[in-house]
């Protein structure tokens, strides 16, 4: 086999300034040229500030719902795209904000339709492998007959709910990807990601773990609007990144893979752990039950057998890192306020 012309692959990460995307850029830039595409609608430049001076990293501020050609950006000339092309695309771009979801409904629909189509056109032009970050939301609510869902299970969602813009958008993106794979023969990967946590999660967006951590750091009660026997499955972000990279390296016949934790823990136990790590002064108490509902757990048989992947980070270690991140961000705000 002939040696490659260039030492490093050119890899695109859409949504690369987001929570998961920025961690993916960190991992990839060690060995590749990384082109991060983001329009910062719901992401944060702070997530990638440390990468901006890295010669193997470049940020393109662009909305993927608008057509683009990476060969037209002068800042990418050092990656010699006209000669080497693009080898891999990780497509993570999608507005995601629990607190401001209504504000981004149209953007969510367009990103997961026109945006996905535009990214796929780049993949076709360069015959690049493409991996799409899909969601466990496609499986719908937990099923009465079983706790775990596998990749072959039907996707059961109500596309006319308030969350339909996101859920159906992810499902439609999968359909576009599958169509492009059939028509153009490109190597398409789909990762259905389950609940993920870690540093760089938005701290004030109404997300469950950051809200609990904020309460703990403030010395307030950690209030849980869920049944007292509620359980949750959590996968640390570095494990998800490892799964995504392994999935990208898999053979062309591997398409859809679940990534997440298949082990549940009582939500009250997570809250107690957060109270302990943040200082131990916060109490855990249950309030009126809201519509708390966990999706099914992922059947990880495919990920284990084909990708040799399992989640490795212990919950206590992951929560500790997340608390340290939250503390650091608070100190930064204090210094610059």
C-alpha atoms as a PDB file:
ATOM      1  CA  UNK A   1       0.000   0.000   0.000  1.00  0.00           C
ATOM      2  CA  UNK A   2       1.340   3.410  -0.995  1.00  0.00           C
ATOM      3  CA  UNK A   3       2.063   5.932   1.730  1.00  0.00           C
ATOM      4  CA  UNK A   4      -0.470   8.785   1.979  1.00  0.00           C
ATOM      5  CA  UNK A   5       0.538  12.064   0.356  1.00  0.00           C
ATOM      6  CA  UNK A   6      -0.215  13.974   3.543  1.00  0.00           C
ATOM      7  CA  UNK A   7       0.493  12.951   7.103  1.00  0.00           C
ATOM      8  CA  UNK A   8      -2.823  14.111   8.578  1.00  0.00           C
ATOM      9  CA  UNK A   9      -6.384  13.591   7.411  1.00  0.00           C
ATOM     10  CA  UNK A  10      -8.651  16.585   6.896  1.00  0.00           C
ATOM     11  CA  UNK A  11     -11.613  16.107   9.221  1.00  0.00           C
ATOM     12  CA  UNK A  12     -14.717  18.313   9.463  1.00  0.00           C
ATOM     13  CA  UNK A  13     -16.761  18.648  12.658  1.00  0.00           C
ATOM     14  CA  UNK A  14     -20.040  20.531  12.264  1.00  0.00           C
ATOM     15  CA  UNK A  15     -21.302  21.872  15.565  1.00  0.00           C
ATOM     16  CA  UNK A  16     -17.719  21.638  16.770  1.00  0.00           C
ATOM     17  CA  UNK A  17     -18.092  24.398  19.373  1.00  0.00           C
ATOM     18  CA  UNK A  18     -20.902  22.611  21.174  1.00  0.00           C
ATOM     19  CA  UNK A  19     -20.746  20.404  24.257  1.00  0.00           C
ATOM     20  CA  UNK A  20     -19.963  17.085  22.553  1.00  0.00           C
ATOM     21  CA  UNK A  21     -18.487  18.655  19.410  1.00  0.00           C
ATOM     22  CA  UNK A  22     -15.767  20.565  21.248  1.00  0.00           C
ATOM     23  CA  UNK A  23     -14.624  17.421  23.086  1.00  0.00           C
ATOM     24  CA  UNK A  24     -14.544  15.636  19.732  1.00  0.00           C
ATOM     25  CA  UNK A  25     -12.365  18.397  18.262  1.00  0.00           C
ATOM     26  CA  UNK A  26      -9.991  17.989  21.234  1.00  0.00           C
ATOM     27  CA  UNK A  27      -9.622  14.296  20.498  1.00  0.00           C
ATOM     28  CA  UNK A  28      -9.268  14.581  16.722  1.00  0.00           C
ATOM     29  CA  UNK A  29      -6.806  17.475  16.553  1.00  0.00           C
ATOM     30  CA  UNK A  30      -4.119  15.287  18.125  1.00  0.00           C
ATOM     31  CA  UNK A  31      -3.781  13.342  14.855  1.00  0.00           C
ATOM     32  CA  UNK A  32      -5.694  15.245  12.168  1.00  0.00           C
ATOM     33  CA  UNK A  33      -6.378  18.645  10.676  1.00  0.00           C
ATOM     34  CA  UNK A  34      -9.731  19.642  12.191  1.00  0.00           C
ATOM     35  CA  UNK A  35     -12.138  22.052  10.536  1.00  0.00           C
ATOM     36  CA  UNK A  36     -14.774  23.147  13.026  1.00  0.00           C
ATOM     37  CA  UNK A  37     -17.940  24.596  11.474  1.00  0.00           C
ATOM     38  CA  UNK A  38     -20.310  26.402  13.826  1.00  0.00           C
ATOM     39  CA  UNK A  39     -22.555  29.471  13.770  1.00  0.00           C
ATOM     40  CA  UNK A  40     -22.737  29.737  17.583  1.00  0.00           C
ATOM     41  CA  UNK A  41     -26.525  29.791  17.701  1.00  0.00           C
ATOM     42  CA  UNK A  42     -26.505  27.619  20.842  1.00  0.00           C
ATOM     43  CA  UNK A  43     -22.806  26.788  21.270  1.00  0.00           C
ATOM     44  CA  UNK A  44     -20.027  28.704  23.028  1.00  0.00           C
ATOM     45  CA  UNK A  45     -16.711  30.052  21.754  1.00  0.00           C
ATOM     46  CA  UNK A  46     -15.297  29.358  25.234  1.00  0.00           C
ATOM     47  CA  UNK A  47     -15.489  25.638  24.432  1.00  0.00           C
ATOM     48  CA  UNK A  48     -12.847  25.950  21.698  1.00  0.00           C
ATOM     49  CA  UNK A  49     -10.838  29.027  22.718  1.00  0.00           C
ATOM     50  CA  UNK A  50      -7.919  26.791  23.679  1.00  0.00           C
ATOM     51  CA  UNK A  51      -7.833  25.364  20.143  1.00  0.00           C
ATOM     52  CA  UNK A  52      -7.823  28.599  18.149  1.00  0.00           C
ATOM     53  CA  UNK A  53      -4.017  28.905  18.124  1.00  0.00           C
ATOM     54  CA  UNK A  54      -3.470  25.252  17.252  1.00  0.00           C
ATOM     55  CA  UNK A  55      -2.031  25.041  13.696  1.00  0.00           C
ATOM     56  CA  UNK A  56      -4.009  21.862  13.046  1.00  0.00           C
ATOM     57  CA  UNK A  57      -7.355  23.477  13.923  1.00  0.00           C
ATOM     58  CA  UNK A  58      -9.464  26.020  12.059  1.00  0.00           C
ATOM     59  CA  UNK A  59     -12.831  27.547  12.904  1.00  0.00           C
ATOM     60  CA  UNK A  60     -15.289  28.397  10.142  1.00  0.00           C
ATOM     61  CA  UNK A  61     -18.179  30.547  11.386  1.00  0.00           C
ATOM     62  CA  UNK A  62     -20.946  29.421   9.051  1.00  0.00           C
ATOM     63  CA  UNK A  63     -24.597  28.391   9.095  1.00  0.00           C
ATOM     64  CA  UNK A  64     -24.756  25.008   7.351  1.00  0.00           C
ATOM     65  CA  UNK A  65     -28.281  25.726   6.088  1.00  0.00           C
ATOM     66  CA  UNK A  66     -26.473  27.982   3.574  1.00  0.00           C
ATOM     67  CA  UNK A  67     -24.531  26.154   0.820  1.00  0.00           C
ATOM     68  CA  UNK A  68     -20.747  26.184   1.185  1.00  0.00           C
ATOM     69  CA  UNK A  69     -17.592  24.835  -0.427  1.00  0.00           C
ATOM     70  CA  UNK A  70     -14.615  24.331   1.858  1.00  0.00           C
ATOM     71  CA  UNK A  71     -12.251  24.995  -1.051  1.00  0.00           C
ATOM     72  CA  UNK A  72     -13.445  28.612  -1.070  1.00  0.00           C
ATOM     73  CA  UNK A  73     -12.200  29.522   2.424  1.00  0.00           C
ATOM     74  CA  UNK A  74      -8.702  31.083   2.255  1.00  0.00           C
ATOM     75  CA  UNK A  75      -8.025  30.264   5.914  1.00  0.00           C
ATOM     76  CA  UNK A  76      -8.129  26.562   4.982  1.00  0.00           C
ATOM     77  CA  UNK A  77      -5.456  26.781   2.285  1.00  0.00           C
ATOM     78  CA  UNK A  78      -2.802  25.388   4.633  1.00  0.00           C
ATOM     79  CA  UNK A  79      -4.789  22.146   4.786  1.00  0.00           C
ATOM     80  CA  UNK A  80      -4.480  21.847   0.981  1.00  0.00           C
ATOM     81  CA  UNK A  81      -8.098  20.800   0.521  1.00  0.00           C
ATOM     82  CA  UNK A  82      -7.919  21.288  -3.259  1.00  0.00           C
ATOM     83  CA  UNK A  83      -5.304  18.521  -3.384  1.00  0.00           C
ATOM     84  CA  UNK A  84      -6.036  16.318  -0.385  1.00  0.00           C
ATOM     85  CA  UNK A  85      -9.794  16.844  -0.088  1.00  0.00           C
ATOM     86  CA  UNK A  86     -11.793  15.909   3.010  1.00  0.00           C
ATOM     87  CA  UNK A  87     -11.527  12.407   4.449  1.00  0.00           C
ATOM     88  CA  UNK A  88     -14.068  12.407   7.308  1.00  0.00           C
ATOM     89  CA  UNK A  89     -17.063  14.464   8.424  1.00  0.00           C
ATOM     90  CA  UNK A  90     -18.616  14.328  11.880  1.00  0.00           C
ATOM     91  CA  UNK A  91     -22.024  15.991  11.563  1.00  0.00           C
ATOM     92  CA  UNK A  92     -23.080  17.159  15.028  1.00  0.00           C
ATOM     93  CA  UNK A  93     -24.612  20.535  14.171  1.00  0.00           C
ATOM     94  CA  UNK A  94     -28.117  21.072  15.535  1.00  0.00           C
ATOM     95  CA  UNK A  95     -29.513  23.820  17.751  1.00  0.00           C
ATOM     96  CA  UNK A  96     -30.119  22.400  21.208  1.00  0.00           C
ATOM     97  CA  UNK A  97     -31.395  24.521  24.079  1.00  0.00           C
ATOM     98  CA  UNK A  98     -33.900  23.270  26.599  1.00  0.00           C
ATOM     99  CA  UNK A  99     -34.682  26.705  28.016  1.00  0.00           C
ATOM    100  CA  UNK A 100     -34.840  28.474  24.634  1.00  0.00           C
ATOM    101  CA  UNK A 101     -36.132  25.619  22.482  1.00  0.00           C
ATOM    102  CA  UNK A 102     -39.021  27.659  21.033  1.00  0.00           C
ATOM    103  CA  UNK A 103     -36.599  30.296  19.791  1.00  0.00           C
ATOM    104  CA  UNK A 104     -34.723  27.774  17.646  1.00  0.00           C
ATOM    105  CA  UNK A 105     -37.565  25.626  16.315  1.00  0.00           C
ATOM    106  CA  UNK A 106     -37.260  26.752  12.693  1.00  0.00           C
ATOM    107  CA  UNK A 107     -33.463  26.624  12.824  1.00  0.00           C
ATOM    108  CA  UNK A 108     -33.719  23.063  14.171  1.00  0.00           C
ATOM    109  CA  UNK A 109     -35.930  21.967  11.293  1.00  0.00           C
ATOM    110  CA  UNK A 110     -33.722  23.613   8.672  1.00  0.00           C
ATOM    111  CA  UNK A 111     -30.439  22.348  10.155  1.00  0.00           C
ATOM    112  CA  UNK A 112     -31.749  18.780  10.178  1.00  0.00           C
ATOM    113  CA  UNK A 113     -32.987  18.951   6.592  1.00  0.00           C
ATOM    114  CA  UNK A 114     -31.299  21.513   4.340  1.00  0.00           C
ATOM    115  CA  UNK A 115     -28.246  21.594   6.592  1.00  0.00           C
ATOM    116  CA  UNK A 116     -27.798  17.833   6.496  1.00  0.00           C
ATOM    117  CA  UNK A 117     -28.240  17.888   2.721  1.00  0.00           C
ATOM    118  CA  UNK A 118     -25.533  20.573   2.354  1.00  0.00           C
ATOM    119  CA  UNK A 119     -23.102  18.606   4.539  1.00  0.00           C
ATOM    120  CA  UNK A 120     -23.816  15.436   2.561  1.00  0.00           C
ATOM    121  CA  UNK A 121     -23.039  17.298  -0.663  1.00  0.00           C
ATOM    122  CA  UNK A 122     -19.581  18.010   0.775  1.00  0.00           C
ATOM    123  CA  UNK A 123     -19.212  14.313   1.611  1.00  0.00           C
ATOM    124  CA  UNK A 124     -20.159  13.315  -1.949  1.00  0.00           C
ATOM    125  CA  UNK A 125     -17.826  15.888  -3.524  1.00  0.00           C
ATOM    126  CA  UNK A 126     -14.877  14.480  -1.559  1.00  0.00           C
ATOM    127  CA  UNK A 127     -16.088  10.865  -1.191  1.00  0.00           C
ATOM    128  CA  UNK A 128     -15.643  11.377   2.541  1.00  0.00           C
ATOM    129  CA  UNK A 129     -16.944   9.133   5.306  1.00  0.00           C
ATOM    130  CA  UNK A 130     -19.671  10.865   7.291  1.00  0.00           C
ATOM    131  CA  UNK A 131     -20.923  10.201  10.814  1.00  0.00           C
ATOM    132  CA  UNK A 132     -24.184  11.712  12.025  1.00  0.00           C
ATOM    133  CA  UNK A 133     -24.883  12.343  15.702  1.00  0.00           C
ATOM    134  CA  UNK A 134     -28.474  11.162  16.039  1.00  0.00           C
ATOM    135  CA  UNK A 135     -30.495  10.781  19.220  1.00  0.00           C
ATOM    136  CA  UNK A 136     -32.083   8.194  21.475  1.00  0.00           C
ATOM    137  CA  UNK A 137     -35.214  10.370  21.210  1.00  0.00           C
ATOM    138  CA  UNK A 138     -36.038   8.486  18.006  1.00  0.00           C
ATOM    139  CA  UNK A 139     -36.991   5.417  20.003  1.00  0.00           C
ATOM    140  CA  UNK A 140     -39.744   7.347  21.779  1.00  0.00           C
ATOM    141  CA  UNK A 141     -40.856   6.691  25.366  1.00  0.00           C
ATOM    142  CA  UNK A 142     -39.700   3.605  27.206  1.00  0.00           C
ATOM    143  CA  UNK A 143     -41.607   0.556  26.021  1.00  0.00           C
ATOM    144  CA  UNK A 144     -43.840  -1.423  28.311  1.00  0.00           C
ATOM    145  CA  UNK A 145     -42.556  -4.784  27.094  1.00  0.00           C
ATOM    146  CA  UNK A 146     -38.792  -4.155  27.503  1.00  0.00           C
ATOM    147  CA  UNK A 147     -36.324  -1.708  29.005  1.00  0.00           C
ATOM    148  CA  UNK A 148     -33.605  -1.885  26.327  1.00  0.00           C
ATOM    149  CA  UNK A 149     -33.862  -0.789  22.703  1.00  0.00           C
ATOM    150  CA  UNK A 150     -31.692  -2.066  19.867  1.00  0.00           C
ATOM    151  CA  UNK A 151     -30.820  -0.475  16.543  1.00  0.00           C
ATOM    152  CA  UNK A 152     -33.316  -2.734  14.742  1.00  0.00           C
ATOM    153  CA  UNK A 153     -36.270  -1.532  16.850  1.00  0.00           C
ATOM    154  CA  UNK A 154     -38.738   0.772  15.139  1.00  0.00           C
ATOM    155  CA  UNK A 155     -38.469   4.507  15.790  1.00  0.00           C
ATOM    156  CA  UNK A 156     -41.718   5.519  17.482  1.00  0.00           C
ATOM    157  CA  UNK A 157     -42.089   9.267  17.859  1.00  0.00           C
ATOM    158  CA  UNK A 158     -44.970  11.730  17.673  1.00  0.00           C
ATOM    159  CA  UNK A 159     -43.760  14.319  15.187  1.00  0.00           C
ATOM    160  CA  UNK A 160     -46.514  16.816  16.093  1.00  0.00           C
ATOM    161  CA  UNK A 161     -45.484  17.384  19.712  1.00  0.00           C
ATOM    162  CA  UNK A 162     -43.693  20.579  20.810  1.00  0.00           C
ATOM    163  CA  UNK A 163     -40.435  18.581  20.597  1.00  0.00           C
ATOM    164  CA  UNK A 164     -41.231  17.326  17.096  1.00  0.00           C
ATOM    165  CA  UNK A 165     -38.888  19.807  15.412  1.00  0.00           C
ATOM    166  CA  UNK A 166     -35.915  18.095  17.054  1.00  0.00           C
ATOM    167  CA  UNK A 167     -37.096  14.476  17.181  1.00  0.00           C
ATOM    168  CA  UNK A 168     -38.444  14.337  13.636  1.00  0.00           C
ATOM    169  CA  UNK A 169     -35.505  16.426  12.426  1.00  0.00           C
ATOM    170  CA  UNK A 170     -33.081  13.770  13.634  1.00  0.00           C
ATOM    171  CA  UNK A 171     -35.154  10.993  12.073  1.00  0.00           C
ATOM    172  CA  UNK A 172     -35.409  12.854   8.758  1.00  0.00           C
ATOM    173  CA  UNK A 173     -31.647  13.428   8.757  1.00  0.00           C
ATOM    174  CA  UNK A 174     -31.151   9.673   9.128  1.00  0.00           C
ATOM    175  CA  UNK A 175     -33.416   9.159   6.106  1.00  0.00           C
ATOM    176  CA  UNK A 176     -31.421  11.661   4.031  1.00  0.00           C
ATOM    177  CA  UNK A 177     -28.162   9.987   5.023  1.00  0.00           C
ATOM    178  CA  UNK A 178     -29.472   6.552   4.117  1.00  0.00           C
ATOM    179  CA  UNK A 179     -30.677   7.855   0.745  1.00  0.00           C
ATOM    180  CA  UNK A 180     -27.304   9.415  -0.069  1.00  0.00           C
ATOM    181  CA  UNK A 181     -25.553   6.186   0.901  1.00  0.00           C
ATOM    182  CA  UNK A 182     -27.791   4.232  -1.494  1.00  0.00           C
ATOM    183  CA  UNK A 183     -27.497   6.680  -4.385  1.00  0.00           C
ATOM    184  CA  UNK A 184     -23.877   7.843  -4.112  1.00  0.00           C
ATOM    185  CA  UNK A 185     -22.244   4.888  -2.359  1.00  0.00           C
ATOM    186  CA  UNK A 186     -20.684   6.978   0.403  1.00  0.00           C
ATOM    187  CA  UNK A 187     -19.872   5.469   3.802  1.00  0.00           C
ATOM    188  CA  UNK A 188     -22.534   6.717   6.226  1.00  0.00           C
ATOM    189  CA  UNK A 189     -22.469   6.179  10.000  1.00  0.00           C
ATOM    190  CA  UNK A 190     -25.323   6.971  12.413  1.00  0.00           C
ATOM    191  CA  UNK A 191     -24.714   7.118  16.165  1.00  0.00           C
ATOM    192  CA  UNK A 192     -27.858   7.222  18.319  1.00  0.00           C
ATOM    193  CA  UNK A 193     -26.579   8.967  21.431  1.00  0.00           C
ATOM    194  CA  UNK A 194     -28.236   8.514  24.823  1.00  0.00           C
ATOM    195  CA  UNK A 195     -28.051  10.855  27.825  1.00  0.00           C
ATOM    196  CA  UNK A 196     -24.539  12.305  28.011  1.00  0.00           C
ATOM    197  CA  UNK A 197     -22.954  14.503  30.669  1.00  0.00           C
ATOM    198  CA  UNK A 198     -19.668  16.239  31.413  1.00  0.00           C
ATOM    199  CA  UNK A 199     -17.820  19.560  31.361  1.00  0.00           C
ATOM    200  CA  UNK A 200     -19.005  22.173  28.839  1.00  0.00           C
ATOM    201  CA  UNK A 201     -22.651  21.310  29.285  1.00  0.00           C
ATOM    202  CA  UNK A 202     -24.641  24.531  29.466  1.00  0.00           C
ATOM    203  CA  UNK A 203     -24.849  25.461  33.118  1.00  0.00           C
ATOM    204  CA  UNK A 204     -27.958  27.640  33.013  1.00  0.00           C
ATOM    205  CA  UNK A 205     -30.151  26.125  30.328  1.00  0.00           C
ATOM    206  CA  UNK A 206     -32.542  24.052  32.418  1.00  0.00           C
ATOM    207  CA  UNK A 207     -30.609  20.790  32.059  1.00  0.00           C
ATOM    208  CA  UNK A 208     -30.991  18.268  34.864  1.00  0.00           C
ATOM    209  CA  UNK A 209     -27.397  17.687  36.033  1.00  0.00           C
ATOM    210  CA  UNK A 210     -26.164  21.295  35.723  1.00  0.00           C
ATOM    211  CA  UNK A 211     -29.224  22.465  37.666  1.00  0.00           C
ATOM    212  CA  UNK A 212     -28.427  20.005  40.462  1.00  0.00           C
ATOM    213  CA  UNK A 213     -24.762  21.044  40.490  1.00  0.00           C
ATOM    214  CA  UNK A 214     -25.675  24.739  40.614  1.00  0.00           C
ATOM    215  CA  UNK A 215     -27.952  24.093  43.572  1.00  0.00           C
ATOM    216  CA  UNK A 216     -25.210  22.142  45.336  1.00  0.00           C
ATOM    217  CA  UNK A 217     -22.615  24.853  44.761  1.00  0.00           C
ATOM    218  CA  UNK A 218     -25.073  27.468  46.039  1.00  0.00           C
ATOM    219  CA  UNK A 219     -25.734  25.399  49.161  1.00  0.00           C
ATOM    220  CA  UNK A 220     -29.399  25.152  48.225  1.00  0.00           C
ATOM    221  CA  UNK A 221     -31.646  22.113  48.340  1.00  0.00           C
ATOM    222  CA  UNK A 222     -31.371  19.879  45.282  1.00  0.00           C
ATOM    223  CA  UNK A 223     -35.000  19.623  44.231  1.00  0.00           C
ATOM    224  CA  UNK A 224     -36.112  16.707  42.101  1.00  0.00           C
ATOM    225  CA  UNK A 225     -39.470  16.974  40.343  1.00  0.00           C
ATOM    226  CA  UNK A 226     -39.638  13.236  39.739  1.00  0.00           C
ATOM    227  CA  UNK A 227     -40.949  10.107  41.465  1.00  0.00           C
ATOM    228  CA  UNK A 228     -38.785   8.997  44.391  1.00  0.00           C
ATOM    229  CA  UNK A 229     -37.962   5.746  42.571  1.00  0.00           C
ATOM    230  CA  UNK A 230     -36.952   7.535  39.346  1.00  0.00           C
ATOM    231  CA  UNK A 231     -33.816   6.197  37.689  1.00  0.00           C
ATOM    232  CA  UNK A 232     -31.408   7.653  35.160  1.00  0.00           C
ATOM    233  CA  UNK A 233     -28.628   6.339  32.908  1.00  0.00           C
ATOM    234  CA  UNK A 234     -25.628   8.596  32.322  1.00  0.00           C
ATOM    235  CA  UNK A 235     -22.648   8.281  29.972  1.00  0.00           C
ATOM    236  CA  UNK A 236     -19.618  10.524  30.365  1.00  0.00           C
ATOM    237  CA  UNK A 237     -18.701  12.617  27.334  1.00  0.00           C
ATOM    238  CA  UNK A 238     -15.208  11.117  26.819  1.00  0.00           C
ATOM    239  CA  UNK A 239     -16.783   7.669  26.490  1.00  0.00           C
ATOM    240  CA  UNK A 240     -19.155   8.996  23.834  1.00  0.00           C
ATOM    241  CA  UNK A 241     -16.224  10.569  21.958  1.00  0.00           C
ATOM    242  CA  UNK A 242     -14.387   7.244  22.024  1.00  0.00           C
ATOM    243  CA  UNK A 243     -17.501   5.559  20.624  1.00  0.00           C
ATOM    244  CA  UNK A 244     -17.879   8.106  17.827  1.00  0.00           C
ATOM    245  CA  UNK A 245     -14.256   7.727  16.731  1.00  0.00           C
ATOM    246  CA  UNK A 246     -14.482   3.926  16.828  1.00  0.00           C
ATOM    247  CA  UNK A 247     -17.716   4.074  14.831  1.00  0.00           C
ATOM    248  CA  UNK A 248     -16.090   6.258  12.177  1.00  0.00           C
ATOM    249  CA  UNK A 249     -13.334   3.660  11.832  1.00  0.00           C
ATOM    250  CA  UNK A 250     -15.782   0.776  11.400  1.00  0.00           C
ATOM    251  CA  UNK A 251     -16.358  -0.957   8.066  1.00  0.00           C
ATOM    252  CA  UNK A 252     -18.822   0.359   5.501  1.00  0.00           C
ATOM    253  CA  UNK A 253     -21.460  -2.251   6.344  1.00  0.00           C
ATOM    254  CA  UNK A 254     -21.804  -0.842   9.896  1.00  0.00           C
ATOM    255  CA  UNK A 255     -24.363   1.978   9.907  1.00  0.00           C
ATOM    256  CA  UNK A 256     -26.516   2.543  13.023  1.00  0.00           C
ATOM    257  CA  UNK A 257     -25.017   2.063  16.493  1.00  0.00           C
ATOM    258  CA  UNK A 258     -26.328   2.932  19.970  1.00  0.00           C
ATOM    259  CA  UNK A 259     -23.942   4.835  22.248  1.00  0.00           C
ATOM    260  CA  UNK A 260     -24.755   5.441  25.909  1.00  0.00           C
ATOM    261  CA  UNK A 261     -24.963   3.785  29.291  1.00  0.00           C
ATOM    262  CA  UNK A 262     -27.109   0.700  29.755  1.00  0.00           C
ATOM    263  CA  UNK A 263     -26.816   0.916  33.558  1.00  0.00           C
ATOM    264  CA  UNK A 264     -29.412   2.829  35.580  1.00  0.00           C
ATOM    265  CA  UNK A 265     -28.996   4.479  38.962  1.00  0.00           C
ATOM    266  CA  UNK A 266     -31.563   6.110  41.212  1.00  0.00           C
ATOM    267  CA  UNK A 267     -31.840   9.824  40.490  1.00  0.00           C
ATOM    268  CA  UNK A 268     -31.774  10.462  44.234  1.00  0.00           C
ATOM    269  CA  UNK A 269     -28.394   8.695  44.411  1.00  0.00           C
ATOM    270  CA  UNK A 270     -27.007  10.998  41.701  1.00  0.00           C
ATOM    271  CA  UNK A 271     -28.314  14.020  43.608  1.00  0.00           C
ATOM    272  CA  UNK A 272     -26.771  12.771  46.861  1.00  0.00           C
ATOM    273  CA  UNK A 273     -23.439  12.260  45.102  1.00  0.00           C
ATOM    274  CA  UNK A 274     -23.576  15.824  43.758  1.00  0.00           C
ATOM    275  CA  UNK A 275     -24.404  17.142  47.237  1.00  0.00           C
ATOM    276  CA  UNK A 276     -21.369  15.300  48.613  1.00  0.00           C
ATOM    277  CA  UNK A 277     -18.957  16.471  45.904  1.00  0.00           C
ATOM    278  CA  UNK A 278     -20.125  20.107  46.021  1.00  0.00           C
ATOM    279  CA  UNK A 279     -19.643  20.344  49.767  1.00  0.00           C
ATOM    280  CA  UNK A 280     -22.262  18.233  51.451  1.00  0.00           C
ATOM    281  CA  UNK A 281     -24.486  21.090  52.666  1.00  0.00           C
ATOM    282  CA  UNK A 282     -27.257  20.675  50.120  1.00  0.00           C
ATOM    283  CA  UNK A 283     -30.227  18.471  50.944  1.00  0.00           C
ATOM    284  CA  UNK A 284     -32.028  16.324  48.400  1.00  0.00           C
ATOM    285  CA  UNK A 285     -35.785  16.596  48.366  1.00  0.00           C
ATOM    286  CA  UNK A 286     -38.591  15.676  46.008  1.00  0.00           C
ATOM    287  CA  UNK A 287     -41.127  18.226  44.812  1.00  0.00           C
ATOM    288  CA  UNK A 288     -44.289  17.885  42.761  1.00  0.00           C
ATOM    289  CA  UNK A 289     -43.776  15.336  39.995  1.00  0.00           C
ATOM    290  CA  UNK A 290     -43.395  16.804  36.528  1.00  0.00           C
ATOM    291  CA  UNK A 291     -43.410  14.867  33.271  1.00  0.00           C
ATOM    292  CA  UNK A 292     -40.102  13.149  34.127  1.00  0.00           C
ATOM    293  CA  UNK A 293     -39.696  10.225  31.770  1.00  0.00           C
ATOM    294  CA  UNK A 294     -36.520   8.445  30.817  1.00  0.00           C
ATOM    295  CA  UNK A 295     -36.214   6.792  27.403  1.00  0.00           C
ATOM    296  CA  UNK A 296     -35.370   3.136  27.068  1.00  0.00           C
ATOM    297  CA  UNK A 297     -31.884   1.958  27.823  1.00  0.00           C
ATOM    298  CA  UNK A 298     -29.553   1.251  24.898  1.00  0.00           C
ATOM    299  CA  UNK A 299     -28.897  -2.318  23.899  1.00  0.00           C
ATOM    300  CA  UNK A 300     -25.115  -2.094  23.484  1.00  0.00           C
ATOM    301  CA  UNK A 301     -24.569  -5.520  21.925  1.00  0.00           C
ATOM    302  CA  UNK A 302     -23.600  -4.017  18.564  1.00  0.00           C
ATOM    303  CA  UNK A 303     -21.265  -1.406  20.066  1.00  0.00           C
ATOM    304  CA  UNK A 304     -19.564  -4.020  22.244  1.00  0.00           C
ATOM    305  CA  UNK A 305     -19.166  -6.665  19.543  1.00  0.00           C
ATOM    306  CA  UNK A 306     -18.343  -4.499  16.515  1.00  0.00           C
ATOM    307  CA  UNK A 307     -16.694  -1.426  18.024  1.00  0.00           C
ATOM    308  CA  UNK A 308     -15.239  -3.141  21.125  1.00  0.00           C
ATOM    309  CA  UNK A 309     -16.739  -0.206  23.037  1.00  0.00           C
ATOM    310  CA  UNK A 310     -18.131   0.097  26.540  1.00  0.00           C
ATOM    311  CA  UNK A 311     -18.485   3.128  28.835  1.00  0.00           C
ATOM    312  CA  UNK A 312     -15.535   3.254  31.233  1.00  0.00           C
ATOM    313  CA  UNK A 313     -15.721   6.465  33.307  1.00  0.00           C
ATOM    314  CA  UNK A 314     -17.128   5.984  36.800  1.00  0.00           C
ATOM    315  CA  UNK A 315     -20.044   8.236  37.707  1.00  0.00           C
ATOM    316  CA  UNK A 316     -18.242   9.736  40.715  1.00  0.00           C
ATOM    317  CA  UNK A 317     -15.236  10.643  38.567  1.00  0.00           C
ATOM    318  CA  UNK A 318     -17.415  12.173  35.859  1.00  0.00           C
ATOM    319  CA  UNK A 319     -19.516  14.207  38.291  1.00  0.00           C
ATOM    320  CA  UNK A 320     -16.341  15.428  40.031  1.00  0.00           C
ATOM    321  CA  UNK A 321     -14.948  16.744  36.730  1.00  0.00           C
ATOM    322  CA  UNK A 322     -18.262  18.397  35.938  1.00  0.00           C
ATOM    323  CA  UNK A 323     -18.371  20.121  39.339  1.00  0.00           C
ATOM    324  CA  UNK A 324     -14.793  21.333  38.859  1.00  0.00           C
ATOM    325  CA  UNK A 325     -15.807  22.804  35.495  1.00  0.00           C
ATOM    326  CA  UNK A 326     -18.827  24.572  37.008  1.00  0.00           C
ATOM    327  CA  UNK A 327     -16.669  26.010  39.787  1.00  0.00           C
ATOM    328  CA  UNK A 328     -14.105  27.236  37.248  1.00  0.00           C
ATOM    329  CA  UNK A 329     -16.740  28.996  35.156  1.00  0.00           C
ATOM    330  CA  UNK A 330     -18.123  30.692  38.263  1.00  0.00           C
ATOM    331  CA  UNK A 331     -14.660  31.950  39.189  1.00  0.00           C
ATOM    332  CA  UNK A 332     -14.174  33.308  35.665  1.00  0.00           C
ATOM    333  CA  UNK A 333     -17.451  35.203  35.835  1.00  0.00           C
ATOM    334  CA  UNK A 334     -16.449  36.658  39.225  1.00  0.00           C
ATOM    335  CA  UNK A 335     -13.045  37.768  37.907  1.00  0.00           C
ATOM    336  CA  UNK A 336     -14.466  39.515  34.856  1.00  0.00           C
ATOM    337  CA  UNK A 337     -17.661  40.933  36.357  1.00  0.00           C
END
